[in-house]
Amino acid sequence: MANKVQDILKSGFSADLLEAGCDEAGRGCLAGPVMAAAVIFPLHYKNSDINDSKKLTQKERHDLRDVIRHDALAWAVALATHEEIDEINILNATFLAMHRALQQLSITPALILVDGHRFKPFGSIRHQCIVKGDQQYLSIAAASILAKTARDDYMVTLHDEYPIYNWRKNKGYATSEHRMAVFHHGLSPYHRKSFSLNRQLKLYM
């Protein structure tokens, strides 16, 4: 399959299995939810533009979001809140968001492909964890795009409520600007209080 990711993206884990690609966005952020998406494409689907969301521009991601939603047999996006992250930790919250996305799919896949090396089984559906899977499988790459664009949009809406953190730009990630805003202004209600920077902040308050 020829495309711009050096021919490593594959349209399916197996030629005869309907797969759901699953990925997350926002796992390493200081604020906001972790977002996950699941995507099922038709068998043998090809698209040379779909790629790992981190390798795309913001405009490319938003343009491809419309393509993915149109072409997919089924897709869903879900989240786990910052409160849930603090309660059950970020790893379990990521699994929770992924499960919620999978639960929303209108089609039950035969196989779940997950970006990364850990996943909590989802019912009786077989799954496969793939390190850098968003660079190898179209369904995972598509899920990374849906999760990333949904979370970015969500953080922009929160920016309007708390502009001092500039979430419109940093989307809740631990940029130097965001860290300084936390040190100067304290935590917002949307910050993850279990994360290390927030624990360090308490030492200075």
N, C-alpha and C. Protein backbone atom coordinates (compact mmCIF):
# COMPACT_ATOMS: atom_id res chain seq x y z
N MET A 1 0.85 -1.18 0.00
CA MET A 1 0.00 0.00 0.00
C MET A 1 0.88 1.23 0.00
N ALA A 2 0.82 2.00 -1.05
CA ALA A 2 1.68 3.17 -1.19
C ALA A 2 1.03 4.39 -0.56
N ASN A 3 1.72 5.02 0.35
CA ASN A 3 1.26 6.29 0.90
C ASN A 3 2.44 7.05 1.46
N LYS A 4 2.17 8.18 2.12
CA LYS A 4 3.25 9.06 2.54
C LYS A 4 3.91 8.63 3.84
N VAL A 5 3.52 7.49 4.42
CA VAL A 5 4.17 7.03 5.64
C VAL A 5 5.10 5.85 5.35
N GLN A 6 5.83 5.95 4.28
CA GLN A 6 6.81 4.94 3.86
C GLN A 6 6.22 3.55 3.77
N ASP A 7 5.03 3.49 3.25
CA ASP A 7 4.38 2.21 2.93
C ASP A 7 4.13 1.32 4.14
N ILE A 8 4.12 1.88 5.35
CA ILE A 8 3.94 1.00 6.52
C ILE A 8 2.52 0.98 7.05
N LEU A 9 1.68 1.93 6.62
CA LEU A 9 0.29 1.85 7.06
C LEU A 9 -0.39 0.68 6.38
N LYS A 10 -1.17 -0.05 7.12
CA LYS A 10 -1.88 -1.20 6.57
C LYS A 10 -3.37 -0.96 6.75
N SER A 11 -4.15 -1.42 5.81
CA SER A 11 -5.59 -1.19 5.91
C SER A 11 -6.26 -2.19 6.83
N GLY A 12 -5.63 -3.30 7.16
CA GLY A 12 -6.26 -4.27 8.04
C GLY A 12 -5.27 -5.21 8.68
N PHE A 13 -5.57 -5.65 9.91
CA PHE A 13 -4.73 -6.62 10.60
C PHE A 13 -4.85 -7.98 9.92
N SER A 14 -6.00 -8.25 9.39
CA SER A 14 -6.23 -9.48 8.63
C SER A 14 -7.23 -9.17 7.54
N ALA A 15 -7.07 -9.83 6.42
CA ALA A 15 -7.89 -9.51 5.26
C ALA A 15 -9.37 -9.82 5.47
N ASP A 16 -9.68 -10.69 6.42
CA ASP A 16 -11.07 -11.09 6.56
C ASP A 16 -11.68 -10.72 7.92
N LEU A 17 -11.01 -9.83 8.67
CA LEU A 17 -11.53 -9.40 9.97
C LEU A 17 -11.90 -7.92 9.92
N LEU A 18 -13.07 -7.61 10.46
CA LEU A 18 -13.48 -6.22 10.58
C LEU A 18 -12.87 -5.68 11.88
N GLU A 19 -11.96 -4.74 11.74
CA GLU A 19 -11.19 -4.26 12.88
C GLU A 19 -11.63 -2.88 13.32
N ALA A 20 -11.50 -2.62 14.61
CA ALA A 20 -11.70 -1.28 15.16
C ALA A 20 -10.35 -0.78 15.66
N GLY A 21 -9.88 0.30 15.08
CA GLY A 21 -8.67 0.94 15.57
C GLY A 21 -9.02 1.85 16.74
N CYS A 22 -8.16 1.88 17.77
CA CYS A 22 -8.45 2.65 18.97
C CYS A 22 -7.20 3.41 19.41
N ASP A 23 -7.38 4.69 19.73
CA ASP A 23 -6.25 5.50 20.20
C ASP A 23 -6.78 6.60 21.10
N GLU A 24 -5.85 7.26 21.82
CA GLU A 24 -6.23 8.30 22.77
C GLU A 24 -5.49 9.59 22.48
N ALA A 25 -5.95 10.66 23.13
CA ALA A 25 -5.27 11.96 23.08
C ALA A 25 -5.40 12.63 24.44
N GLY A 26 -4.33 13.29 24.86
CA GLY A 26 -4.37 14.05 26.11
C GLY A 26 -3.90 13.30 27.33
N ARG A 27 -3.24 12.19 27.13
CA ARG A 27 -2.82 11.40 28.29
C ARG A 27 -1.81 12.14 29.16
N GLY A 28 -0.93 12.93 28.56
CA GLY A 28 0.12 13.59 29.32
C GLY A 28 -0.19 15.03 29.70
N CYS A 29 -1.42 15.45 29.61
CA CYS A 29 -1.79 16.84 29.89
C CYS A 29 -1.92 17.11 31.38
N LEU A 30 -1.84 18.38 31.73
CA LEU A 30 -2.05 18.79 33.11
C LEU A 30 -3.52 19.05 33.41
N ALA A 31 -4.30 19.31 32.37
CA ALA A 31 -5.70 19.70 32.58
C ALA A 31 -6.58 19.06 31.52
N GLY A 32 -7.86 18.94 31.86
CA GLY A 32 -8.84 18.42 30.92
C GLY A 32 -8.90 16.91 30.89
N PRO A 33 -9.80 16.37 30.06
CA PRO A 33 -10.01 14.93 30.01
C PRO A 33 -8.98 14.23 29.13
N VAL A 34 -8.96 12.91 29.22
CA VAL A 34 -8.31 12.10 28.20
C VAL A 34 -9.41 11.66 27.25
N MET A 35 -9.13 11.79 25.96
CA MET A 35 -10.13 11.49 24.93
C MET A 35 -9.69 10.26 24.14
N ALA A 36 -10.63 9.44 23.77
CA ALA A 36 -10.32 8.25 22.97
C ALA A 36 -11.29 8.14 21.81
N ALA A 37 -10.85 7.49 20.76
CA ALA A 37 -11.71 7.27 19.59
C ALA A 37 -11.54 5.85 19.09
N ALA A 38 -12.57 5.35 18.44
CA ALA A 38 -12.54 4.04 17.79
C ALA A 38 -13.09 4.20 16.38
N VAL A 39 -12.45 3.54 15.42
CA VAL A 39 -12.84 3.68 14.01
C VAL A 39 -12.84 2.32 13.35
N ILE A 40 -13.90 2.04 12.61
CA ILE A 40 -13.98 0.83 11.78
C ILE A 40 -14.11 1.27 10.34
N PHE A 41 -13.15 0.88 9.52
CA PHE A 41 -13.20 1.16 8.08
C PHE A 41 -13.72 -0.07 7.33
N PRO A 42 -14.21 0.12 6.11
CA PRO A 42 -14.54 -1.04 5.27
C PRO A 42 -13.30 -1.89 5.04
N LEU A 43 -13.48 -3.17 4.81
CA LEU A 43 -12.36 -4.05 4.51
C LEU A 43 -11.61 -3.53 3.29
N HIS A 44 -10.28 -3.54 3.38
CA HIS A 44 -9.39 -3.13 2.29
C HIS A 44 -9.47 -1.64 1.99
N TYR A 45 -9.98 -0.87 2.92
CA TYR A 45 -10.04 0.58 2.73
C TYR A 45 -8.63 1.15 2.61
N LYS A 46 -8.47 2.14 1.73
CA LYS A 46 -7.18 2.80 1.55
C LYS A 46 -7.37 4.31 1.52
N ASN A 47 -6.42 5.01 2.10
CA ASN A 47 -6.39 6.46 2.03
C ASN A 47 -4.96 6.90 2.32
N SER A 48 -4.29 7.45 1.33
CA SER A 48 -2.88 7.79 1.47
C SER A 48 -2.63 9.03 2.33
N ASP A 49 -3.68 9.76 2.68
CA ASP A 49 -3.51 10.97 3.48
C ASP A 49 -3.60 10.74 4.98
N ILE A 50 -4.28 9.68 5.38
CA ILE A 50 -4.45 9.41 6.81
C ILE A 50 -3.12 8.98 7.42
N ASN A 51 -2.79 9.60 8.54
CA ASN A 51 -1.50 9.38 9.18
C ASN A 51 -1.64 9.59 10.68
N ASP A 52 -0.62 9.21 11.42
CA ASP A 52 -0.52 9.53 12.83
C ASP A 52 -0.82 11.01 13.03
N SER A 53 -1.74 11.34 13.94
CA SER A 53 -2.17 12.73 14.10
C SER A 53 -1.01 13.67 14.44
N LYS A 54 0.02 13.15 15.11
CA LYS A 54 1.15 13.99 15.50
C LYS A 54 1.97 14.43 14.30
N LYS A 55 1.84 13.74 13.20
CA LYS A 55 2.60 14.07 11.99
C LYS A 55 1.82 14.99 11.05
N LEU A 56 0.63 15.41 11.45
CA LEU A 56 -0.23 16.24 10.61
C LEU A 56 -0.36 17.64 11.19
N THR A 57 -0.65 18.61 10.33
CA THR A 57 -0.94 19.95 10.81
C THR A 57 -2.36 19.99 11.37
N GLN A 58 -2.67 21.04 12.08
CA GLN A 58 -4.02 21.18 12.62
C GLN A 58 -5.06 21.19 11.50
N LYS A 59 -4.78 21.90 10.41
CA LYS A 59 -5.72 21.94 9.29
C LYS A 59 -5.88 20.57 8.66
N GLU A 60 -4.78 19.84 8.48
CA GLU A 60 -4.86 18.50 7.91
C GLU A 60 -5.70 17.58 8.78
N ARG A 61 -5.50 17.68 10.11
CA ARG A 61 -6.30 16.83 11.01
C ARG A 61 -7.78 17.14 10.89
N HIS A 62 -8.14 18.41 10.86
CA HIS A 62 -9.56 18.76 10.79
C HIS A 62 -10.17 18.41 9.44
N ASP A 63 -9.39 18.55 8.37
CA ASP A 63 -9.90 18.15 7.06
C ASP A 63 -10.11 16.64 7.01
N LEU A 64 -9.17 15.88 7.56
CA LEU A 64 -9.27 14.42 7.54
C LEU A 64 -10.35 13.91 8.47
N ARG A 65 -10.66 14.66 9.51
CA ARG A 65 -11.75 14.25 10.40
C ARG A 65 -13.05 14.07 9.62
N ASP A 66 -13.35 15.00 8.74
CA ASP A 66 -14.57 14.90 7.93
C ASP A 66 -14.52 13.69 7.00
N VAL A 67 -13.35 13.42 6.43
CA VAL A 67 -13.18 12.27 5.53
C VAL A 67 -13.40 10.97 6.30
N ILE A 68 -12.79 10.88 7.47
CA ILE A 68 -12.90 9.66 8.29
C ILE A 68 -14.34 9.41 8.69
N ARG A 69 -15.02 10.45 9.16
CA ARG A 69 -16.41 10.29 9.56
C ARG A 69 -17.28 9.85 8.39
N HIS A 70 -16.97 10.32 7.20
CA HIS A 70 -17.76 9.96 6.01
C HIS A 70 -17.47 8.53 5.56
N ASP A 71 -16.18 8.15 5.57
CA ASP A 71 -15.78 6.87 4.98
C ASP A 71 -15.91 5.68 5.93
N ALA A 72 -15.85 5.93 7.22
CA ALA A 72 -15.86 4.83 8.19
C ALA A 72 -17.22 4.12 8.22
N LEU A 73 -17.19 2.85 8.43
CA LEU A 73 -18.43 2.10 8.67
C LEU A 73 -19.02 2.49 10.02
N ALA A 74 -18.15 2.78 10.97
CA ALA A 74 -18.58 3.21 12.31
C ALA A 74 -17.43 3.95 12.96
N TRP A 75 -17.76 4.96 13.78
CA TRP A 75 -16.74 5.67 14.54
C TRP A 75 -17.38 6.24 15.80
N ALA A 76 -16.57 6.47 16.80
CA ALA A 76 -17.06 7.05 18.05
C ALA A 76 -15.92 7.71 18.80
N VAL A 77 -16.26 8.73 19.57
CA VAL A 77 -15.31 9.44 20.43
C VAL A 77 -15.89 9.51 21.83
N ALA A 78 -15.05 9.29 22.83
CA ALA A 78 -15.51 9.34 24.22
C ALA A 78 -14.38 9.87 25.09
N LEU A 79 -14.70 10.18 26.33
CA LEU A 79 -13.68 10.74 27.23
C LEU A 79 -13.81 10.17 28.63
N ALA A 80 -12.72 10.35 29.38
CA ALA A 80 -12.74 10.17 30.83
C ALA A 80 -12.34 11.51 31.42
N THR A 81 -13.09 11.98 32.39
CA THR A 81 -12.91 13.32 32.92
C THR A 81 -11.64 13.44 33.77
N HIS A 82 -11.28 14.69 34.06
CA HIS A 82 -10.12 14.93 34.93
C HIS A 82 -10.39 14.38 36.33
N GLU A 83 -11.65 14.40 36.77
CA GLU A 83 -11.97 13.82 38.08
C GLU A 83 -11.75 12.30 38.07
N GLU A 84 -12.14 11.66 36.98
CA GLU A 84 -11.94 10.21 36.87
C GLU A 84 -10.45 9.88 36.78
N ILE A 85 -9.68 10.73 36.12
CA ILE A 85 -8.23 10.52 36.06
C ILE A 85 -7.64 10.55 37.46
N ASP A 86 -8.05 11.55 38.26
CA ASP A 86 -7.54 11.65 39.63
C ASP A 86 -7.98 10.45 40.48
N GLU A 87 -9.15 9.93 40.21
CA GLU A 87 -9.70 8.85 41.03
C GLU A 87 -9.10 7.49 40.71
N ILE A 88 -8.92 7.20 39.41
CA ILE A 88 -8.51 5.84 39.03
C ILE A 88 -7.15 5.79 38.35
N ASN A 89 -6.48 6.88 38.19
CA ASN A 89 -5.18 7.11 37.55
C ASN A 89 -5.33 7.18 36.02
N ILE A 90 -4.32 7.77 35.39
CA ILE A 90 -4.42 8.10 33.97
C ILE A 90 -4.47 6.84 33.09
N LEU A 91 -3.77 5.78 33.47
CA LEU A 91 -3.79 4.57 32.65
C LEU A 91 -5.19 3.97 32.63
N ASN A 92 -5.79 3.79 33.79
CA ASN A 92 -7.14 3.22 33.85
C ASN A 92 -8.18 4.16 33.23
N ALA A 93 -7.96 5.45 33.36
CA ALA A 93 -8.88 6.41 32.73
C ALA A 93 -8.78 6.33 31.21
N THR A 94 -7.59 6.08 30.70
CA THR A 94 -7.43 5.91 29.25
C THR A 94 -8.18 4.67 28.78
N PHE A 95 -8.05 3.57 29.52
CA PHE A 95 -8.81 2.36 29.17
C PHE A 95 -10.31 2.63 29.22
N LEU A 96 -10.74 3.39 30.23
CA LEU A 96 -12.16 3.70 30.38
C LEU A 96 -12.67 4.50 29.18
N ALA A 97 -11.91 5.50 28.75
CA ALA A 97 -12.31 6.29 27.59
C ALA A 97 -12.37 5.42 26.33
N MET A 98 -11.39 4.55 26.16
CA MET A 98 -11.39 3.65 25.00
C MET A 98 -12.60 2.73 25.02
N HIS A 99 -12.90 2.16 26.19
CA HIS A 99 -14.07 1.28 26.30
C HIS A 99 -15.36 2.03 25.99
N ARG A 100 -15.45 3.26 26.46
CA ARG A 100 -16.65 4.05 26.18
C ARG A 100 -16.80 4.32 24.68
N ALA A 101 -15.69 4.58 24.00
CA ALA A 101 -15.76 4.77 22.55
C ALA A 101 -16.19 3.48 21.86
N LEU A 102 -15.61 2.37 22.27
CA LEU A 102 -15.96 1.09 21.65
C LEU A 102 -17.43 0.74 21.90
N GLN A 103 -17.93 1.08 23.08
CA GLN A 103 -19.33 0.80 23.40
C GLN A 103 -20.29 1.57 22.49
N GLN A 104 -19.86 2.70 22.00
CA GLN A 104 -20.71 3.55 21.17
C GLN A 104 -20.73 3.16 19.71
N LEU A 105 -19.84 2.26 19.30
CA LEU A 105 -19.80 1.86 17.90
C LEU A 105 -21.10 1.17 17.51
N SER A 106 -21.58 1.49 16.32
CA SER A 106 -22.82 0.88 15.84
C SER A 106 -22.60 -0.50 15.25
N ILE A 107 -21.34 -0.88 15.08
CA ILE A 107 -20.96 -2.20 14.55
C ILE A 107 -20.01 -2.85 15.55
N THR A 108 -20.17 -4.12 15.81
CA THR A 108 -19.26 -4.85 16.68
C THR A 108 -18.10 -5.40 15.87
N PRO A 109 -16.87 -4.99 16.16
CA PRO A 109 -15.73 -5.49 15.39
C PRO A 109 -15.33 -6.89 15.81
N ALA A 110 -14.60 -7.56 14.94
CA ALA A 110 -14.06 -8.87 15.28
C ALA A 110 -12.73 -8.75 16.01
N LEU A 111 -12.09 -7.59 15.88
CA LEU A 111 -10.76 -7.39 16.44
C LEU A 111 -10.60 -5.92 16.80
N ILE A 112 -9.93 -5.66 17.93
CA ILE A 112 -9.61 -4.30 18.34
C ILE A 112 -8.10 -4.11 18.24
N LEU A 113 -7.69 -3.09 17.50
CA LEU A 113 -6.28 -2.74 17.39
C LEU A 113 -6.03 -1.51 18.25
N VAL A 114 -5.10 -1.60 19.18
CA VAL A 114 -4.87 -0.53 20.15
C VAL A 114 -3.45 0.00 20.01
N ASP A 115 -3.34 1.33 19.93
CA ASP A 115 -2.01 1.94 19.90
C ASP A 115 -1.37 1.82 21.28
N GLY A 116 -0.13 1.36 21.33
CA GLY A 116 0.57 1.22 22.60
C GLY A 116 0.83 -0.23 22.96
N HIS A 117 1.17 -0.47 24.21
CA HIS A 117 1.53 -1.83 24.62
C HIS A 117 0.66 -2.39 25.74
N ARG A 118 -0.37 -1.63 26.18
CA ARG A 118 -1.25 -2.15 27.23
C ARG A 118 -2.70 -1.80 26.92
N PHE A 119 -3.59 -2.71 27.31
CA PHE A 119 -5.02 -2.50 27.11
C PHE A 119 -5.78 -3.43 28.03
N LYS A 120 -6.89 -2.96 28.55
CA LYS A 120 -7.77 -3.79 29.36
C LYS A 120 -8.79 -4.44 28.44
N PRO A 121 -8.92 -5.77 28.45
CA PRO A 121 -9.83 -6.44 27.51
C PRO A 121 -11.22 -5.84 27.53
N PHE A 122 -11.80 -5.77 26.34
CA PHE A 122 -13.14 -5.23 26.17
C PHE A 122 -14.08 -6.37 25.83
N GLY A 123 -14.81 -6.82 26.84
CA GLY A 123 -15.71 -7.96 26.64
C GLY A 123 -14.95 -9.17 26.14
N SER A 124 -15.52 -9.85 25.17
CA SER A 124 -14.89 -11.05 24.63
C SER A 124 -14.20 -10.79 23.29
N ILE A 125 -14.13 -9.52 22.89
CA ILE A 125 -13.53 -9.20 21.59
C ILE A 125 -12.01 -9.27 21.69
N ARG A 126 -11.42 -9.98 20.75
CA ARG A 126 -9.97 -10.11 20.72
C ARG A 126 -9.32 -8.75 20.47
N HIS A 127 -8.17 -8.51 21.10
CA HIS A 127 -7.47 -7.26 20.84
C HIS A 127 -5.98 -7.51 20.62
N GLN A 128 -5.37 -6.54 19.97
CA GLN A 128 -3.93 -6.59 19.71
C GLN A 128 -3.34 -5.22 20.01
N CYS A 129 -2.35 -5.15 20.91
CA CYS A 129 -1.65 -3.90 21.20
C CYS A 129 -0.46 -3.76 20.25
N ILE A 130 -0.31 -2.57 19.69
CA ILE A 130 0.74 -2.35 18.70
C ILE A 130 1.46 -1.05 19.03
N VAL A 131 2.73 -1.14 19.39
CA VAL A 131 3.52 0.05 19.65
C VAL A 131 3.69 0.83 18.36
N LYS A 132 3.43 2.13 18.42
CA LYS A 132 3.42 3.01 17.25
C LYS A 132 2.43 2.52 16.21
N GLY A 133 1.31 2.00 16.71
CA GLY A 133 0.28 1.49 15.81
C GLY A 133 -0.33 2.56 14.93
N ASP A 134 -0.30 3.83 15.42
CA ASP A 134 -0.86 4.91 14.62
C ASP A 134 0.00 5.22 13.40
N GLN A 135 1.18 4.62 13.32
CA GLN A 135 2.03 4.74 12.14
C GLN A 135 1.98 3.50 11.26
N GLN A 136 1.19 2.51 11.67
CA GLN A 136 1.17 1.25 10.94
C GLN A 136 -0.20 0.82 10.44
N TYR A 137 -1.26 1.28 11.10
CA TYR A 137 -2.61 0.83 10.73
C TYR A 137 -3.53 2.03 10.53
N LEU A 138 -4.24 2.02 9.42
CA LEU A 138 -5.11 3.14 9.08
C LEU A 138 -6.18 3.38 10.13
N SER A 139 -6.76 2.32 10.65
CA SER A 139 -7.84 2.50 11.61
C SER A 139 -7.35 3.16 12.90
N ILE A 140 -6.13 2.82 13.34
CA ILE A 140 -5.57 3.45 14.53
C ILE A 140 -5.20 4.89 14.23
N ALA A 141 -4.58 5.14 13.08
CA ALA A 141 -4.24 6.51 12.70
C ALA A 141 -5.49 7.38 12.64
N ALA A 142 -6.57 6.83 12.09
CA ALA A 142 -7.83 7.58 12.01
C ALA A 142 -8.38 7.87 13.41
N ALA A 143 -8.28 6.88 14.30
CA ALA A 143 -8.73 7.09 15.67
C ALA A 143 -7.91 8.17 16.36
N SER A 144 -6.61 8.21 16.08
CA SER A 144 -5.76 9.24 16.68
C SER A 144 -6.18 10.63 16.21
N ILE A 145 -6.60 10.73 14.97
CA ILE A 145 -7.05 12.02 14.43
C ILE A 145 -8.36 12.45 15.08
N LEU A 146 -9.31 11.52 15.19
CA LEU A 146 -10.59 11.87 15.81
C LEU A 146 -10.43 12.24 17.27
N ALA A 147 -9.60 11.50 17.99
CA ALA A 147 -9.39 11.80 19.41
C ALA A 147 -8.70 13.14 19.60
N LYS A 148 -7.68 13.39 18.80
CA LYS A 148 -6.92 14.63 18.91
C LYS A 148 -7.78 15.84 18.57
N THR A 149 -8.51 15.81 17.48
CA THR A 149 -9.32 16.96 17.09
C THR A 149 -10.45 17.20 18.08
N ALA A 150 -11.06 16.13 18.59
CA ALA A 150 -12.13 16.30 19.57
C ALA A 150 -11.60 16.92 20.85
N ARG A 151 -10.45 16.46 21.29
CA ARG A 151 -9.90 17.01 22.53
C ARG A 151 -9.45 18.45 22.36
N ASP A 152 -8.81 18.75 21.23
CA ASP A 152 -8.40 20.13 20.98
C ASP A 152 -9.60 21.07 21.00
N ASP A 153 -10.68 20.66 20.35
CA ASP A 153 -11.89 21.49 20.34
C ASP A 153 -12.44 21.67 21.75
N TYR A 154 -12.40 20.61 22.53
CA TYR A 154 -12.89 20.66 23.91
C TYR A 154 -12.08 21.66 24.74
N MET A 155 -10.75 21.62 24.60
CA MET A 155 -9.90 22.51 25.37
C MET A 155 -10.07 23.96 24.94
N VAL A 156 -10.39 24.21 23.68
CA VAL A 156 -10.66 25.58 23.23
C VAL A 156 -11.89 26.14 23.93
N THR A 157 -12.90 25.30 24.12
CA THR A 157 -14.09 25.78 24.84
C THR A 157 -13.76 26.08 26.30
N LEU A 158 -12.87 25.29 26.91
CA LEU A 158 -12.48 25.56 28.29
C LEU A 158 -11.61 26.82 28.38
N HIS A 159 -10.87 27.11 27.33
CA HIS A 159 -10.04 28.32 27.29
C HIS A 159 -10.89 29.56 27.51
N ASP A 160 -12.06 29.59 26.93
CA ASP A 160 -12.93 30.76 27.07
C ASP A 160 -13.33 30.99 28.52
N GLU A 161 -13.35 29.92 29.30
CA GLU A 161 -13.70 30.02 30.71
C GLU A 161 -12.50 30.41 31.58
N TYR A 162 -11.30 29.90 31.19
CA TYR A 162 -10.08 30.17 31.94
C TYR A 162 -8.95 30.57 30.99
N PRO A 163 -9.02 31.76 30.42
CA PRO A 163 -8.03 32.16 29.41
C PRO A 163 -6.61 32.33 29.96
N ILE A 164 -6.45 32.48 31.26
CA ILE A 164 -5.11 32.72 31.81
C ILE A 164 -4.15 31.56 31.55
N TYR A 165 -4.67 30.36 31.29
CA TYR A 165 -3.79 29.21 31.02
C TYR A 165 -3.49 29.04 29.54
N ASN A 166 -4.15 29.78 28.70
CA ASN A 166 -3.96 29.73 27.24
C ASN A 166 -4.14 28.33 26.67
N TRP A 167 -5.19 27.66 27.10
CA TRP A 167 -5.47 26.32 26.58
C TRP A 167 -5.80 26.32 25.10
N ARG A 168 -6.20 27.48 24.57
CA ARG A 168 -6.44 27.56 23.13
C ARG A 168 -5.18 27.19 22.35
N LYS A 169 -4.02 27.54 22.93
CA LYS A 169 -2.76 27.25 22.27
C LYS A 169 -2.15 25.93 22.74
N ASN A 170 -2.05 25.75 24.07
CA ASN A 170 -1.30 24.57 24.56
C ASN A 170 -2.17 23.33 24.79
N LYS A 171 -3.50 23.50 24.71
CA LYS A 171 -4.46 22.39 24.83
C LYS A 171 -4.32 21.60 26.14
N GLY A 172 -3.75 22.24 27.15
CA GLY A 172 -3.62 21.59 28.45
C GLY A 172 -2.31 20.88 28.68
N TYR A 173 -1.43 20.86 27.67
CA TYR A 173 -0.13 20.21 27.84
C TYR A 173 0.78 21.08 28.69
N ALA A 174 1.83 20.47 29.21
CA ALA A 174 2.69 21.13 30.21
C ALA A 174 3.75 22.00 29.55
N THR A 175 3.35 22.97 28.76
CA THR A 175 4.29 23.93 28.20
C THR A 175 4.81 24.83 29.32
N SER A 176 5.91 25.53 29.05
CA SER A 176 6.45 26.43 30.07
C SER A 176 5.44 27.52 30.42
N GLU A 177 4.70 28.00 29.41
CA GLU A 177 3.68 29.02 29.65
C GLU A 177 2.58 28.49 30.57
N HIS A 178 2.15 27.28 30.32
CA HIS A 178 1.09 26.69 31.14
C HIS A 178 1.58 26.46 32.57
N ARG A 179 2.79 25.95 32.71
CA ARG A 179 3.34 25.70 34.05
C ARG A 179 3.46 27.00 34.85
N MET A 180 3.92 28.06 34.18
CA MET A 180 4.06 29.35 34.87
C MET A 180 2.70 29.89 35.28
N ALA A 181 1.69 29.69 34.43
CA ALA A 181 0.34 30.16 34.77
C ALA A 181 -0.19 29.42 36.01
N VAL A 182 0.11 28.13 36.10
CA VAL A 182 -0.32 27.36 37.27
C VAL A 182 0.39 27.87 38.53
N PHE A 183 1.69 28.14 38.43
CA PHE A 183 2.42 28.62 39.59
C PHE A 183 1.93 29.99 40.04
N HIS A 184 1.54 30.83 39.09
CA HIS A 184 1.12 32.19 39.44
C HIS A 184 -0.35 32.27 39.85
N HIS A 185 -1.18 31.45 39.25
CA HIS A 185 -2.63 31.58 39.46
C HIS A 185 -3.25 30.39 40.19
N GLY A 186 -2.48 29.33 40.37
CA GLY A 186 -3.04 28.15 41.02
C GLY A 186 -3.79 27.27 40.04
N LEU A 187 -4.48 26.30 40.59
CA LEU A 187 -5.17 25.30 39.77
C LEU A 187 -6.58 25.77 39.42
N SER A 188 -6.99 25.42 38.23
CA SER A 188 -8.39 25.61 37.84
C SER A 188 -9.18 24.38 38.25
N PRO A 189 -10.50 24.44 38.19
CA PRO A 189 -11.29 23.24 38.48
C PRO A 189 -11.07 22.11 37.49
N TYR A 190 -10.44 22.40 36.35
CA TYR A 190 -10.25 21.38 35.31
C TYR A 190 -8.86 20.75 35.35
N HIS A 191 -8.00 21.19 36.27
CA HIS A 191 -6.67 20.60 36.35
C HIS A 191 -6.72 19.23 37.03
N ARG A 192 -5.81 18.37 36.62
CA ARG A 192 -5.69 17.04 37.20
C ARG A 192 -4.83 17.17 38.46
N LYS A 193 -5.43 17.06 39.58
CA LYS A 193 -4.73 17.32 40.83
C LYS A 193 -3.77 16.19 41.22
N SER A 194 -3.86 15.07 40.55
CA SER A 194 -2.96 13.94 40.85
C SER A 194 -1.64 14.05 40.10
N PHE A 195 -1.52 15.00 39.15
CA PHE A 195 -0.30 15.08 38.35
C PHE A 195 0.80 15.81 39.11
N SER A 196 2.05 15.50 38.81
CA SER A 196 3.20 15.92 39.62
C SER A 196 3.33 17.43 39.75
N LEU A 197 3.11 18.17 38.68
CA LEU A 197 3.25 19.62 38.77
C LEU A 197 2.27 20.20 39.77
N ASN A 198 1.08 19.65 39.80
CA ASN A 198 0.08 20.14 40.74
C ASN A 198 0.46 19.80 42.18
N ARG A 199 1.07 18.66 42.39
CA ARG A 199 1.53 18.31 43.74
C ARG A 199 2.69 19.23 44.16
N GLN A 200 3.57 19.56 43.21
CA GLN A 200 4.67 20.48 43.50
C GLN A 200 4.14 21.86 43.85
N LEU A 201 3.09 22.29 43.17
CA LEU A 201 2.51 23.60 43.40
C LEU A 201 2.08 23.77 44.86
N LYS A 202 1.56 22.73 45.46
CA LYS A 202 1.06 22.81 46.83
C LYS A 202 2.18 23.15 47.82
N LEU A 203 3.42 22.82 47.44
CA LEU A 203 4.54 23.13 48.32
C LEU A 203 4.80 24.62 48.41
N TYR A 204 4.32 25.36 47.40
CA TYR A 204 4.58 26.79 47.36
C TYR A 204 3.37 27.61 47.78
N MET A 205 2.29 26.95 48.14
CA MET A 205 1.05 27.66 48.46
C MET A 205 0.87 27.74 49.99
